[in-house]
Amino acid sequence: MPTVVPSPEWGIENAQELQAALAPYLDADAEVVIAVPEARRVHTASLQVLLAFVRDRAAAARATRIEPCAASLRDAAHLLGLGTALGLASPPPP
């Protein structure tokens, strides 16, 4: 099971770097784990790259899991309505 550990920087200027890190695993038959223990400056562009990767793999019946998932990434995904599509559990209520 391949594991991808992207940079902790999720700013718009890092979206291309994220895409390059994920691209080699797009067609992997095994489940791909994306480990995000820390995420700083989460921007929509990087979330779009992540969503496209997860969506394209799901369309090809390939599993992808984000684990661990930094609270900042999970919160940003849910704020934009992408949490379910990314397979992220809802954040606990405050």
PDB file of N, CA and C in Angstrom:
ATOM      1  N   MET A   1       0.850  -1.162   0.000  1.00  0.00           N
ATOM      2  CA  MET A   1       0.000   0.000   0.000  1.00  0.00           C
ATOM      3  C   MET A   1       0.900   1.230   0.000  1.00  0.00           C
ATOM      4  N   PRO A   2       0.889   1.989  -1.103  1.00  0.00           N
ATOM      5  CA  PRO A   2       1.710   3.196  -1.171  1.00  0.00           C
ATOM      6  C   PRO A   2       1.185   4.290  -0.231  1.00  0.00           C
ATOM      7  N   THR A   3       2.117   5.000   0.371  1.00  0.00           N
ATOM      8  CA  THR A   3       1.773   6.126   1.227  1.00  0.00           C
ATOM      9  C   THR A   3       2.444   7.376   0.680  1.00  0.00           C
ATOM     10  N   VAL A   4       1.660   8.421   0.512  1.00  0.00           N
ATOM     11  CA  VAL A   4       2.169   9.705   0.033  1.00  0.00           C
ATOM     12  C   VAL A   4       2.136  10.664   1.215  1.00  0.00           C
ATOM     13  N   VAL A   5       3.240  11.341   1.463  1.00  0.00           N
ATOM     14  CA  VAL A   5       3.313  12.333   2.537  1.00  0.00           C
ATOM     15  C   VAL A   5       3.604  13.680   1.888  1.00  0.00           C
ATOM     16  N   PRO A   6       2.544  14.449   1.591  1.00  0.00           N
ATOM     17  CA  PRO A   6       2.764  15.749   0.954  1.00  0.00           C
ATOM     18  C   PRO A   6       3.389  16.759   1.918  1.00  0.00           C
ATOM     19  N   SER A   7       3.859  17.825   1.344  1.00  0.00           N
ATOM     20  CA  SER A   7       4.399  18.929   2.130  1.00  0.00           C
ATOM     21  C   SER A   7       3.330  19.434   3.097  1.00  0.00           C
ATOM     22  N   PRO A   8       3.729  19.924   4.257  1.00  0.00           N
ATOM     23  CA  PRO A   8       2.740  20.492   5.171  1.00  0.00           C
ATOM     24  C   PRO A   8       2.172  21.831   4.682  1.00  0.00           C
ATOM     25  N   GLU A   9       2.779  22.406   3.660  1.00  0.00           N
ATOM     26  CA  GLU A   9       2.291  23.668   3.092  1.00  0.00           C
ATOM     27  C   GLU A   9       1.228  23.364   2.037  1.00  0.00           C
ATOM     28  N   TRP A  10       0.009  23.843   2.253  1.00  0.00           N
ATOM     29  CA  TRP A  10      -1.119  23.591   1.346  1.00  0.00           C
ATOM     30  C   TRP A  10      -1.600  24.886   0.700  1.00  0.00           C
ATOM     31  N   GLY A  11      -0.686  25.864   0.578  1.00  0.00           N
ATOM     32  CA  GLY A  11      -1.025  27.131  -0.065  1.00  0.00           C
ATOM     33  C   GLY A  11      -1.187  26.962  -1.566  1.00  0.00           C
ATOM     34  N   ILE A  12      -1.739  27.981  -2.208  1.00  0.00           N
ATOM     35  CA  ILE A  12      -1.977  27.931  -3.650  1.00  0.00           C
ATOM     36  C   ILE A  12      -0.677  27.697  -4.414  1.00  0.00           C
ATOM     37  N   GLU A  13       0.426  28.242  -3.914  1.00  0.00           N
ATOM     38  CA  GLU A  13       1.704  28.075  -4.600  1.00  0.00           C
ATOM     39  C   GLU A  13       2.239  26.648  -4.481  1.00  0.00           C
ATOM     40  N   ASN A  14       1.618  25.812  -3.646  1.00  0.00           N
ATOM     41  CA  ASN A  14       2.049  24.428  -3.477  1.00  0.00           C
ATOM     42  C   ASN A  14       1.146  23.429  -4.196  1.00  0.00           C
ATOM     43  N   ALA A  15       0.122  23.904  -4.878  1.00  0.00           N
ATOM     44  CA  ALA A  15      -0.822  23.002  -5.547  1.00  0.00           C
ATOM     45  C   ALA A  15      -0.140  22.158  -6.620  1.00  0.00           C
ATOM     46  N   GLN A  16       0.763  22.752  -7.377  1.00  0.00           N
ATOM     47  CA  GLN A  16       1.459  22.009  -8.428  1.00  0.00           C
ATOM     48  C   GLN A  16       2.392  20.957  -7.817  1.00  0.00           C
ATOM     49  N   GLU A  17       3.026  21.292  -6.731  1.00  0.00           N
ATOM     50  CA  GLU A  17       3.887  20.338  -6.015  1.00  0.00           C
ATOM     51  C   GLU A  17       3.059  19.153  -5.510  1.00  0.00           C
ATOM     52  N   LEU A  18       1.860  19.427  -4.988  1.00  0.00           N
ATOM     53  CA  LEU A  18       0.965  18.375  -4.525  1.00  0.00           C
ATOM     54  C   LEU A  18       0.554  17.477  -5.689  1.00  0.00           C
ATOM     55  N   GLN A  19       0.199  18.094  -6.797  1.00  0.00           N
ATOM     56  CA  GLN A  19      -0.182  17.318  -7.980  1.00  0.00           C
ATOM     57  C   GLN A  19       0.960  16.400  -8.422  1.00  0.00           C
ATOM     58  N   ALA A  20       2.179  16.914  -8.420  1.00  0.00           N
ATOM     59  CA  ALA A  20       3.339  16.115  -8.813  1.00  0.00           C
ATOM     60  C   ALA A  20       3.584  14.959  -7.841  1.00  0.00           C
ATOM     61  N   ALA A  21       3.319  15.178  -6.555  1.00  0.00           N
ATOM     62  CA  ALA A  21       3.506  14.115  -5.555  1.00  0.00           C
ATOM     63  C   ALA A  21       2.470  13.008  -5.710  1.00  0.00           C
ATOM     64  N   LEU A  22       1.242  13.382  -6.103  1.00  0.00           N
ATOM     65  CA  LEU A  22       0.156  12.406  -6.210  1.00  0.00           C
ATOM     66  C   LEU A  22       0.136  11.677  -7.555  1.00  0.00           C
ATOM     67  N   ALA A  23       0.563  12.341  -8.615  1.00  0.00           N
ATOM     68  CA  ALA A  23       0.438  11.806  -9.983  1.00  0.00           C
ATOM     69  C   ALA A  23       0.975  10.388 -10.173  1.00  0.00           C
ATOM     70  N   PRO A  24       2.124  10.025  -9.613  1.00  0.00           N
ATOM     71  CA  PRO A  24       2.629   8.667  -9.833  1.00  0.00           C
ATOM     72  C   PRO A  24       1.717   7.569  -9.274  1.00  0.00           C
ATOM     73  N   TYR A  25       0.801   7.936  -8.392  1.00  0.00           N
ATOM     74  CA  TYR A  25      -0.053   6.954  -7.724  1.00  0.00           C
ATOM     75  C   TYR A  25      -1.479   6.918  -8.273  1.00  0.00           C
ATOM     76  N   LEU A  26      -1.749   7.727  -9.268  1.00  0.00           N
ATOM     77  CA  LEU A  26      -3.107   7.814  -9.808  1.00  0.00           C
ATOM     78  C   LEU A  26      -3.624   6.458 -10.275  1.00  0.00           C
ATOM     79  N   ASP A  27      -2.788   5.673 -10.929  1.00  0.00           N
ATOM     80  CA  ASP A  27      -3.211   4.389 -11.472  1.00  0.00           C
ATOM     81  C   ASP A  27      -2.803   3.194 -10.621  1.00  0.00           C
ATOM     82  N   ALA A  28      -2.334   3.434  -9.404  1.00  0.00           N
ATOM     83  CA  ALA A  28      -1.939   2.330  -8.526  1.00  0.00           C
ATOM     84  C   ALA A  28      -3.161   1.492  -8.177  1.00  0.00           C
ATOM     85  N   ASP A  29      -3.027   0.178  -8.312  1.00  0.00           N
ATOM     86  CA  ASP A  29      -4.145  -0.705  -7.997  1.00  0.00           C
ATOM     87  C   ASP A  29      -4.384  -0.807  -6.494  1.00  0.00           C
ATOM     88  N   ALA A  30      -3.331  -0.761  -5.713  1.00  0.00           N
ATOM     89  CA  ALA A  30      -3.458  -0.853  -4.259  1.00  0.00           C
ATOM     90  C   ALA A  30      -4.036   0.440  -3.698  1.00  0.00           C
ATOM     91  N   GLU A  31      -4.617   0.325  -2.519  1.00  0.00           N
ATOM     92  CA  GLU A  31      -5.111   1.521  -1.835  1.00  0.00           C
ATOM     93  C   GLU A  31      -3.943   2.485  -1.620  1.00  0.00           C
ATOM     94  N   VAL A  32      -4.177   3.756  -1.869  1.00  0.00           N
ATOM     95  CA  VAL A  32      -3.177   4.789  -1.639  1.00  0.00           C
ATOM     96  C   VAL A  32      -3.565   5.541  -0.373  1.00  0.00           C
ATOM     97  N   VAL A  33      -2.617   5.665   0.535  1.00  0.00           N
ATOM     98  CA  VAL A  33      -2.826   6.418   1.766  1.00  0.00           C
ATOM     99  C   VAL A  33      -2.103   7.745   1.618  1.00  0.00           C
ATOM    100  N   ILE A  34      -2.822   8.820   1.882  1.00  0.00           N
ATOM    101  CA  ILE A  34      -2.226  10.153   1.877  1.00  0.00           C
ATOM    102  C   ILE A  34      -2.125  10.572   3.335  1.00  0.00           C
ATOM    103  N   ALA A  35      -0.911  10.677   3.829  1.00  0.00           N
ATOM    104  CA  ALA A  35      -0.668  11.004   5.226  1.00  0.00           C
ATOM    105  C   ALA A  35      -0.461  12.514   5.363  1.00  0.00           C
ATOM    106  N   VAL A  36      -1.358  13.132   6.088  1.00  0.00           N
ATOM    107  CA  VAL A  36      -1.303  14.592   6.278  1.00  0.00           C
ATOM    108  C   VAL A  36      -1.344  14.892   7.785  1.00  0.00           C
ATOM    109  N   PRO A  37      -0.230  14.665   8.476  1.00  0.00           N
ATOM    110  CA  PRO A  37      -0.230  14.936   9.909  1.00  0.00           C
ATOM    111  C   PRO A  37      -0.254  16.432  10.231  1.00  0.00           C
ATOM    112  N   GLU A  38       0.166  17.241   9.258  1.00  0.00           N
ATOM    113  CA  GLU A  38       0.202  18.693   9.456  1.00  0.00           C
ATOM    114  C   GLU A  38      -0.142  19.368   8.130  1.00  0.00           C
ATOM    115  N   ALA A  39      -0.972  20.401   8.200  1.00  0.00           N
ATOM    116  CA  ALA A  39      -1.317  21.171   7.002  1.00  0.00           C
ATOM    117  C   ALA A  39      -1.415  22.642   7.395  1.00  0.00           C
ATOM    118  N   ARG A  40      -0.595  23.447   6.735  1.00  0.00           N
ATOM    119  CA  ARG A  40      -0.606  24.892   7.002  1.00  0.00           C
ATOM    120  C   ARG A  40      -1.111  25.620   5.769  1.00  0.00           C
ATOM    121  N   ARG A  41      -1.798  26.724   5.997  1.00  0.00           N
ATOM    122  CA  ARG A  41      -2.273  27.611   4.927  1.00  0.00           C
ATOM    123  C   ARG A  41      -3.026  26.828   3.858  1.00  0.00           C
ATOM    124  N   VAL A  42      -4.070  26.158   4.241  1.00  0.00           N
ATOM    125  CA  VAL A  42      -4.843  25.326   3.318  1.00  0.00           C
ATOM    126  C   VAL A  42      -5.656  26.226   2.380  1.00  0.00           C
ATOM    127  N   HIS A  43      -5.360  26.133   1.088  1.00  0.00           N
ATOM    128  CA  HIS A  43      -6.055  26.926   0.077  1.00  0.00           C
ATOM    129  C   HIS A  43      -6.913  26.015  -0.794  1.00  0.00           C
ATOM    130  N   THR A  44      -7.915  26.595  -1.385  1.00  0.00           N
ATOM    131  CA  THR A  44      -8.842  25.856  -2.230  1.00  0.00           C
ATOM    132  C   THR A  44      -8.145  25.145  -3.379  1.00  0.00           C
ATOM    133  N   ALA A  45      -7.144  25.761  -3.975  1.00  0.00           N
ATOM    134  CA  ALA A  45      -6.455  25.150  -5.121  1.00  0.00           C
ATOM    135  C   ALA A  45      -5.859  23.795  -4.755  1.00  0.00           C
ATOM    136  N   SER A  46      -5.241  23.701  -3.600  1.00  0.00           N
ATOM    137  CA  SER A  46      -4.664  22.425  -3.173  1.00  0.00           C
ATOM    138  C   SER A  46      -5.750  21.408  -2.855  1.00  0.00           C
ATOM    139  N   LEU A  47      -6.838  21.863  -2.266  1.00  0.00           N
ATOM    140  CA  LEU A  47      -7.959  20.949  -2.011  1.00  0.00           C
ATOM    141  C   LEU A  47      -8.566  20.443  -3.317  1.00  0.00           C
ATOM    142  N   GLN A  48      -8.592  21.284  -4.337  1.00  0.00           N
ATOM    143  CA  GLN A  48      -9.107  20.847  -5.641  1.00  0.00           C
ATOM    144  C   GLN A  48      -8.220  19.762  -6.240  1.00  0.00           C
ATOM    145  N   VAL A  49      -6.910  19.904  -6.094  1.00  0.00           N
ATOM    146  CA  VAL A  49      -5.980  18.881  -6.584  1.00  0.00           C
ATOM    147  C   VAL A  49      -6.229  17.568  -5.849  1.00  0.00           C
ATOM    148  N   LEU A  50      -6.350  17.641  -4.532  1.00  0.00           N
ATOM    149  CA  LEU A  50      -6.601  16.448  -3.729  1.00  0.00           C
ATOM    150  C   LEU A  50      -7.928  15.802  -4.118  1.00  0.00           C
ATOM    151  N   LEU A  51      -8.968  16.616  -4.265  1.00  0.00           N
ATOM    152  CA  LEU A  51     -10.283  16.099  -4.640  1.00  0.00           C
ATOM    153  C   LEU A  51     -10.244  15.427  -6.010  1.00  0.00           C
ATOM    154  N   ALA A  52      -9.579  16.025  -6.971  1.00  0.00           N
ATOM    155  CA  ALA A  52      -9.490  15.436  -8.308  1.00  0.00           C
ATOM    156  C   ALA A  52      -8.798  14.077  -8.246  1.00  0.00           C
ATOM    157  N   PHE A  53      -7.752  13.975  -7.453  1.00  0.00           N
ATOM    158  CA  PHE A  53      -7.038  12.709  -7.303  1.00  0.00           C
ATOM    159  C   PHE A  53      -7.951  11.644  -6.704  1.00  0.00           C
ATOM    160  N   VAL A  54      -8.610  11.971  -5.605  1.00  0.00           N
ATOM    161  CA  VAL A  54      -9.499  11.018  -4.933  1.00  0.00           C
ATOM    162  C   VAL A  54     -10.657  10.654  -5.860  1.00  0.00           C
ATOM    163  N   ARG A  55     -11.244  11.625  -6.529  1.00  0.00           N
ATOM    164  CA  ARG A  55     -12.378  11.394  -7.432  1.00  0.00           C
ATOM    165  C   ARG A  55     -11.991  10.498  -8.600  1.00  0.00           C
ATOM    166  N   ASP A  56     -10.860  10.787  -9.225  1.00  0.00           N
ATOM    167  CA  ASP A  56     -10.434   9.990 -10.379  1.00  0.00           C
ATOM    168  C   ASP A  56     -10.115   8.557  -9.979  1.00  0.00           C
ATOM    169  N   ARG A  57      -9.505   8.377  -8.828  1.00  0.00           N
ATOM    170  CA  ARG A  57      -9.233   7.016  -8.359  1.00  0.00           C
ATOM    171  C   ARG A  57     -10.529   6.290  -8.029  1.00  0.00           C
ATOM    172  N   ALA A  58     -11.474   6.964  -7.410  1.00  0.00           N
ATOM    173  CA  ALA A  58     -12.763   6.338  -7.079  1.00  0.00           C
ATOM    174  C   ALA A  58     -13.516   5.941  -8.350  1.00  0.00           C
ATOM    175  N   ALA A  59     -13.438   6.767  -9.372  1.00  0.00           N
ATOM    176  CA  ALA A  59     -14.102   6.466 -10.646  1.00  0.00           C
ATOM    177  C   ALA A  59     -13.524   5.204 -11.286  1.00  0.00           C
ATOM    178  N   ALA A  60     -12.266   4.912 -10.978  1.00  0.00           N
ATOM    179  CA  ALA A  60     -11.607   3.713 -11.498  1.00  0.00           C
ATOM    180  C   ALA A  60     -11.661   2.567 -10.478  1.00  0.00           C
ATOM    181  N   ALA A  61     -12.514   2.706  -9.456  1.00  0.00           N
ATOM    182  CA  ALA A  61     -12.686   1.695  -8.401  1.00  0.00           C
ATOM    183  C   ALA A  61     -11.377   1.435  -7.644  1.00  0.00           C
ATOM    184  N   ARG A  62     -10.624   2.511  -7.395  1.00  0.00           N
ATOM    185  CA  ARG A  62      -9.375   2.413  -6.636  1.00  0.00           C
ATOM    186  C   ARG A  62      -9.539   3.190  -5.330  1.00  0.00           C
ATOM    187  N   ALA A  63      -9.155   2.573  -4.252  1.00  0.00           N
ATOM    188  CA  ALA A  63      -9.349   3.167  -2.926  1.00  0.00           C
ATOM    189  C   ALA A  63      -8.244   4.165  -2.587  1.00  0.00           C
ATOM    190  N   THR A  64      -8.649   5.221  -1.900  1.00  0.00           N
ATOM    191  CA  THR A  64      -7.728   6.240  -1.409  1.00  0.00           C
ATOM    192  C   THR A  64      -8.184   6.614  -0.006  1.00  0.00           C
ATOM    193  N   ARG A  65      -7.226   6.771   0.899  1.00  0.00           N
ATOM    194  CA  ARG A  65      -7.562   7.128   2.280  1.00  0.00           C
ATOM    195  C   ARG A  65      -6.627   8.240   2.725  1.00  0.00           C
ATOM    196  N   ILE A  66      -7.167   9.204   3.440  1.00  0.00           N
ATOM    197  CA  ILE A  66      -6.366  10.295   4.000  1.00  0.00           C
ATOM    198  C   ILE A  66      -6.264  10.023   5.495  1.00  0.00           C
ATOM    199  N   GLU A  67      -5.055   9.604   5.916  1.00  0.00           N
ATOM    200  CA  GLU A  67      -4.868   9.223   7.317  1.00  0.00           C
ATOM    201  C   GLU A  67      -3.397   9.255   7.673  1.00  0.00           C
ATOM    202  N   PRO A  68      -2.962   9.956   8.660  1.00  0.00           N
ATOM    203  CA  PRO A  68      -3.774  10.850   9.462  1.00  0.00           C
ATOM    204  C   PRO A  68      -4.170  12.082   8.651  1.00  0.00           C
ATOM    205  N   CYS A  69      -5.130  12.809   9.187  1.00  0.00           N
ATOM    206  CA  CYS A  69      -5.579  14.029   8.528  1.00  0.00           C
ATOM    207  C   CYS A  69      -5.533  15.173   9.530  1.00  0.00           C
ATOM    208  N   ALA A  70      -4.715  16.159   9.230  1.00  0.00           N
ATOM    209  CA  ALA A  70      -4.597  17.334  10.097  1.00  0.00           C
ATOM    210  C   ALA A  70      -5.949  18.014  10.245  1.00  0.00           C
ATOM    211  N   ALA A  71      -6.229  18.494  11.428  1.00  0.00           N
ATOM    212  CA  ALA A  71      -7.504  19.164  11.698  1.00  0.00           C
ATOM    213  C   ALA A  71      -7.724  20.344  10.758  1.00  0.00           C
ATOM    214  N   SER A  72      -6.659  21.074  10.423  1.00  0.00           N
ATOM    215  CA  SER A  72      -6.819  22.244   9.548  1.00  0.00           C
ATOM    216  C   SER A  72      -7.274  21.829   8.150  1.00  0.00           C
ATOM    217  N   LEU A  73      -6.770  20.710   7.646  1.00  0.00           N
ATOM    218  CA  LEU A  73      -7.194  20.224   6.336  1.00  0.00           C
ATOM    219  C   LEU A  73      -8.630  19.715   6.392  1.00  0.00           C
ATOM    220  N   ARG A  74      -8.936  18.935   7.418  1.00  0.00           N
ATOM    221  CA  ARG A  74     -10.297  18.405   7.589  1.00  0.00           C
ATOM    222  C   ARG A  74     -11.306  19.552   7.716  1.00  0.00           C
ATOM    223  N   ASP A  75     -10.980  20.546   8.522  1.00  0.00           N
ATOM    224  CA  ASP A  75     -11.890  21.678   8.728  1.00  0.00           C
ATOM    225  C   ASP A  75     -12.108  22.466   7.434  1.00  0.00           C
ATOM    226  N   ALA A  76     -11.034  22.710   6.694  1.00  0.00           N
ATOM    227  CA  ALA A  76     -11.155  23.445   5.425  1.00  0.00           C
ATOM    228  C   ALA A  76     -11.996  22.652   4.433  1.00  0.00           C
ATOM    229  N   ALA A  77     -11.775  21.350   4.364  1.00  0.00           N
ATOM    230  CA  ALA A  77     -12.545  20.503   3.447  1.00  0.00           C
ATOM    231  C   ALA A  77     -14.032  20.547   3.794  1.00  0.00           C
ATOM    232  N   HIS A  78     -14.353  20.447   5.062  1.00  0.00           N
ATOM    233  CA  HIS A  78     -15.765  20.486   5.470  1.00  0.00           C
ATOM    234  C   HIS A  78     -16.374  21.865   5.247  1.00  0.00           C
ATOM    235  N   LEU A  79     -15.597  22.901   5.473  1.00  0.00           N
ATOM    236  CA  LEU A  79     -16.080  24.268   5.244  1.00  0.00           C
ATOM    237  C   LEU A  79     -16.489  24.461   3.785  1.00  0.00           C
ATOM    238  N   LEU A  80     -15.759  23.824   2.872  1.00  0.00           N
ATOM    239  CA  LEU A  80     -16.046  23.933   1.443  1.00  0.00           C
ATOM    240  C   LEU A  80     -16.999  22.848   0.943  1.00  0.00           C
ATOM    241  N   GLY A  81     -17.477  22.002   1.847  1.00  0.00           N
ATOM    242  CA  GLY A  81     -18.408  20.946   1.456  1.00  0.00           C
ATOM    243  C   GLY A  81     -17.730  19.769   0.773  1.00  0.00           C
ATOM    244  N   LEU A  82     -16.430  19.575   1.001  1.00  0.00           N
ATOM    245  CA  LEU A  82     -15.680  18.506   0.348  1.00  0.00           C
ATOM    246  C   LEU A  82     -15.349  17.344   1.275  1.00  0.00           C
ATOM    247  N   GLY A  83     -15.712  17.444   2.519  1.00  0.00           N
ATOM    248  CA  GLY A  83     -15.351  16.413   3.495  1.00  0.00           C
ATOM    249  C   GLY A  83     -15.823  15.028   3.118  1.00  0.00           C
ATOM    250  N   THR A  84     -17.071  14.896   2.751  1.00  0.00           N
ATOM    251  CA  THR A  84     -17.616  13.587   2.389  1.00  0.00           C
ATOM    252  C   THR A  84     -16.945  13.053   1.133  1.00  0.00           C
ATOM    253  N   ALA A  85     -16.768  13.891   0.128  1.00  0.00           N
ATOM    254  CA  ALA A  85     -16.139  13.462  -1.121  1.00  0.00           C
ATOM    255  C   ALA A  85     -14.707  12.994  -0.900  1.00  0.00           C
ATOM    256  N   LEU A  86     -14.042  13.544   0.104  1.00  0.00           N
ATOM    257  CA  LEU A  86     -12.670  13.150   0.416  1.00  0.00           C
ATOM    258  C   LEU A  86     -12.615  12.001   1.415  1.00  0.00           C
ATOM    259  N   GLY A  87     -13.778  11.575   1.904  1.00  0.00           N
ATOM    260  CA  GLY A  87     -13.821  10.473   2.860  1.00  0.00           C
ATOM    261  C   GLY A  87     -13.379  10.867   4.252  1.00  0.00           C
ATOM    262  N   LEU A  88     -13.559  12.131   4.603  1.00  0.00           N
ATOM    263  CA  LEU A  88     -13.145  12.630   5.899  1.00  0.00           C
ATOM    264  C   LEU A  88     -14.326  12.684   6.864  1.00  0.00           C
ATOM    265  N   ALA A  89     -14.117  12.170   8.033  1.00  0.00           N
ATOM    266  CA  ALA A  89     -15.163  12.222   9.063  1.00  0.00           C
ATOM    267  C   ALA A  89     -15.407  13.675   9.451  1.00  0.00           C
ATOM    268  N   SER A  90     -16.623  13.950   9.829  1.00  0.00           N
ATOM    269  CA  SER A  90     -16.957  15.297  10.293  1.00  0.00           C
ATOM    270  C   SER A  90     -16.165  15.630  11.536  1.00  0.00           C
ATOM    271  N   PRO A  91     -15.764  16.891  11.656  1.00  0.00           N
ATOM    272  CA  PRO A  91     -15.048  17.273  12.875  1.00  0.00           C
ATOM    273  C   PRO A  91     -15.989  17.181  14.076  1.00  0.00           C
ATOM    274  N   PRO A  92     -15.432  16.873  15.231  1.00  0.00           N
ATOM    275  CA  PRO A  92     -16.277  16.804  16.426  1.00  0.00           C
ATOM    276  C   PRO A  92     -16.837  18.185  16.760  1.00  0.00           C
ATOM    277  N   PRO A  93     -18.049  18.241  17.313  1.00  0.00           N
ATOM    278  CA  PRO A  93     -18.604  19.540  17.685  1.00  0.00           C
ATOM    279  C   PRO A  93     -17.763  20.197  18.774  1.00  0.00           C
ATOM    280  N   PRO A  94     -17.720  21.537  18.784  1.00  0.00           N
ATOM    281  CA  PRO A  94     -16.904  22.238  19.801  1.00  0.00           C
ATOM    282  C   PRO A  94     -17.462  22.066  21.185  1.00  0.00           C
TER     283      PRO A  94
END
